[in-house]
Amino acid sequence: MNKDELYRVITSATAEATLAKLYPDFVPKNASLPAMSYTHNSNGRSRVLNGVSHGTWDIWRISISGNNRDECDTIINEINLLDGATSAMFQAVHILSVNDEPANINSKVFMAFVDIKTFDK
């Protein structure tokens, strides 16, 4: 699990169109929006029948908070560009899923989630 590399990859991908800050675990209550947080969901490795393991990977959730749906969509579009990317520490980055949290007329914060899988070098 390489949190520092994940932070670097996500912030470099989202720096162009937004100034969304990335926090570990959760977006603080009074943080300016748009903002993001990341959490580690799971990890594993590939294993062949003889028991030899290789290819460690991690699954992460990026939670996006915005003032409106367009802010969330802009960040999602930037993160989606990472699909298939590599970095100094990641052999590959794969986008697994993108989900919107339903909003209502009284919503002050709009939410979306992007699940990604990173493969270590």
Protein backbone atom coordinates (compact mmCIF):
# COMPACT_ATOMS: atom_id res chain seq x y z
CA MET A 1 0.00 0.00 0.00
CA ASN A 2 1.60 3.22 -1.16
CA LYS A 3 -0.47 6.18 0.09
CA ASP A 4 2.17 8.75 -0.82
CA GLU A 5 2.24 7.62 -4.45
CA LEU A 6 -1.56 7.52 -4.65
CA TYR A 7 -1.69 11.08 -3.30
CA ARG A 8 0.86 12.22 -5.90
CA VAL A 9 -0.94 10.50 -8.79
CA ILE A 10 -4.40 11.84 -7.87
CA THR A 11 -3.29 15.40 -7.15
CA SER A 12 -1.28 15.61 -10.36
CA ALA A 13 -4.28 14.40 -12.38
CA THR A 14 -6.73 16.85 -10.82
CA ALA A 15 -4.54 19.96 -10.62
CA GLU A 16 -5.36 21.29 -14.09
CA ALA A 17 -9.09 22.10 -14.03
CA THR A 18 -9.76 22.23 -10.30
CA LEU A 19 -7.99 23.17 -7.14
CA ALA A 20 -9.68 20.37 -5.20
CA LYS A 21 -7.67 19.45 -2.14
CA LEU A 22 -7.14 15.75 -1.38
CA TYR A 23 -7.44 14.54 2.23
CA PRO A 24 -6.82 11.11 3.79
CA ASP A 25 -9.97 9.32 5.03
CA PHE A 26 -12.54 12.16 4.90
CA VAL A 27 -13.10 15.75 3.84
CA PRO A 28 -13.11 17.97 6.96
CA LYS A 29 -16.44 19.58 7.80
CA ASN A 30 -15.43 23.16 6.98
CA ALA A 31 -13.16 22.42 4.01
CA SER A 32 -13.65 24.51 0.89
CA LEU A 33 -15.23 22.67 -2.02
CA PRO A 34 -14.59 20.97 -4.32
CA ALA A 35 -12.51 18.55 -2.26
CA MET A 36 -11.61 14.85 -2.28
CA SER A 37 -10.64 12.15 0.17
CA TYR A 38 -9.10 8.73 -0.31
CA THR A 39 -9.42 5.49 1.62
CA HIS A 40 -7.78 2.12 1.18
CA ASN A 41 -10.41 -0.59 0.62
CA SER A 42 -8.42 -3.77 0.08
CA ASN A 43 -5.25 -5.31 -1.26
CA GLY A 44 -3.97 -8.60 -2.54
CA ARG A 45 -1.62 -10.37 -4.87
CA SER A 46 -1.85 -12.82 -7.70
CA ARG A 47 -1.06 -16.41 -6.82
CA VAL A 48 -0.38 -19.34 -9.14
CA LEU A 49 -1.34 -22.95 -8.37
CA ASN A 50 2.07 -23.86 -6.94
CA GLY A 51 1.65 -21.11 -4.32
CA VAL A 52 4.08 -18.56 -5.73
CA SER A 53 2.66 -15.06 -5.38
CA HIS A 54 3.42 -11.91 -7.34
CA GLY A 55 1.78 -8.75 -8.55
CA THR A 56 0.59 -6.88 -5.45
CA TRP A 57 -2.38 -4.55 -5.92
CA ASP A 58 -4.55 -2.18 -3.89
CA ILE A 59 -8.10 -0.92 -4.29
CA TRP A 60 -8.82 2.67 -3.26
CA ARG A 61 -11.96 4.81 -3.05
CA ILE A 62 -11.72 8.46 -4.01
CA SER A 63 -14.69 10.39 -2.55
CA ILE A 64 -15.46 13.67 -4.29
CA SER A 65 -17.42 16.51 -2.70
CA GLY A 66 -18.59 19.48 -4.74
CA ASN A 67 -20.91 22.46 -4.62
CA ASN A 68 -22.77 21.05 -7.62
CA ARG A 69 -22.80 18.02 -9.89
CA ASP A 70 -20.65 19.78 -12.53
CA GLU A 71 -17.77 20.21 -10.08
CA CYS A 72 -17.87 16.49 -9.28
CA ASP A 73 -18.08 15.56 -12.96
CA THR A 74 -15.05 17.72 -13.80
CA ILE A 75 -12.95 15.90 -11.21
CA ILE A 76 -14.29 12.50 -12.31
CA ASN A 77 -13.30 13.28 -15.90
CA GLU A 78 -9.77 14.14 -14.76
CA ILE A 79 -9.44 10.98 -12.66
CA ASN A 80 -10.77 8.87 -15.55
CA LEU A 81 -7.75 9.98 -17.59
CA LEU A 82 -5.62 7.91 -15.18
CA ASP A 83 -7.08 4.65 -16.50
CA GLY A 84 -4.12 2.66 -17.80
CA ALA A 85 -1.57 5.18 -16.49
CA THR A 86 1.73 4.27 -14.87
CA SER A 87 3.84 6.12 -12.33
CA ALA A 88 7.14 5.85 -10.52
CA MET A 89 5.69 3.28 -8.09
CA PHE A 90 2.63 1.93 -9.92
CA GLN A 91 2.84 -0.47 -12.83
CA ALA A 92 -0.74 0.47 -13.73
CA VAL A 93 -3.78 2.38 -12.51
CA HIS A 94 -7.24 1.06 -13.44
CA ILE A 95 -10.57 2.81 -12.95
CA LEU A 96 -12.98 0.19 -11.57
CA SER A 97 -16.21 2.17 -11.11
CA VAL A 98 -17.70 5.65 -10.86
CA ASN A 99 -20.79 6.30 -8.75
CA ASP A 100 -22.86 9.38 -7.90
CA GLU A 101 -24.57 9.70 -4.56
CA PRO A 102 -28.17 10.79 -5.15
CA ALA A 103 -28.82 14.43 -4.31
CA ASN A 104 -32.07 16.21 -3.50
CA ILE A 105 -33.29 19.78 -3.70
CA ASN A 106 -31.90 20.54 -0.22
CA SER A 107 -28.43 19.13 -0.91
CA LYS A 108 -25.63 21.53 -0.10
CA VAL A 109 -22.87 19.08 -1.02
CA PHE A 110 -22.88 16.78 -4.03
CA MET A 111 -20.94 13.52 -3.74
CA ALA A 112 -19.38 11.04 -6.15
CA PHE A 113 -17.06 8.07 -5.72
CA VAL A 114 -14.36 6.62 -7.94
CA ASP A 115 -12.89 3.21 -7.14
CA ILE A 116 -9.44 2.57 -8.56
CA LYS A 117 -7.00 -0.32 -8.51
CA THR A 118 -3.25 0.23 -8.46
CA PHE A 119 -0.67 -2.40 -9.33
CA ASP A 120 2.74 -2.04 -7.65
CA LYS A 121 5.96 -2.22 -9.65
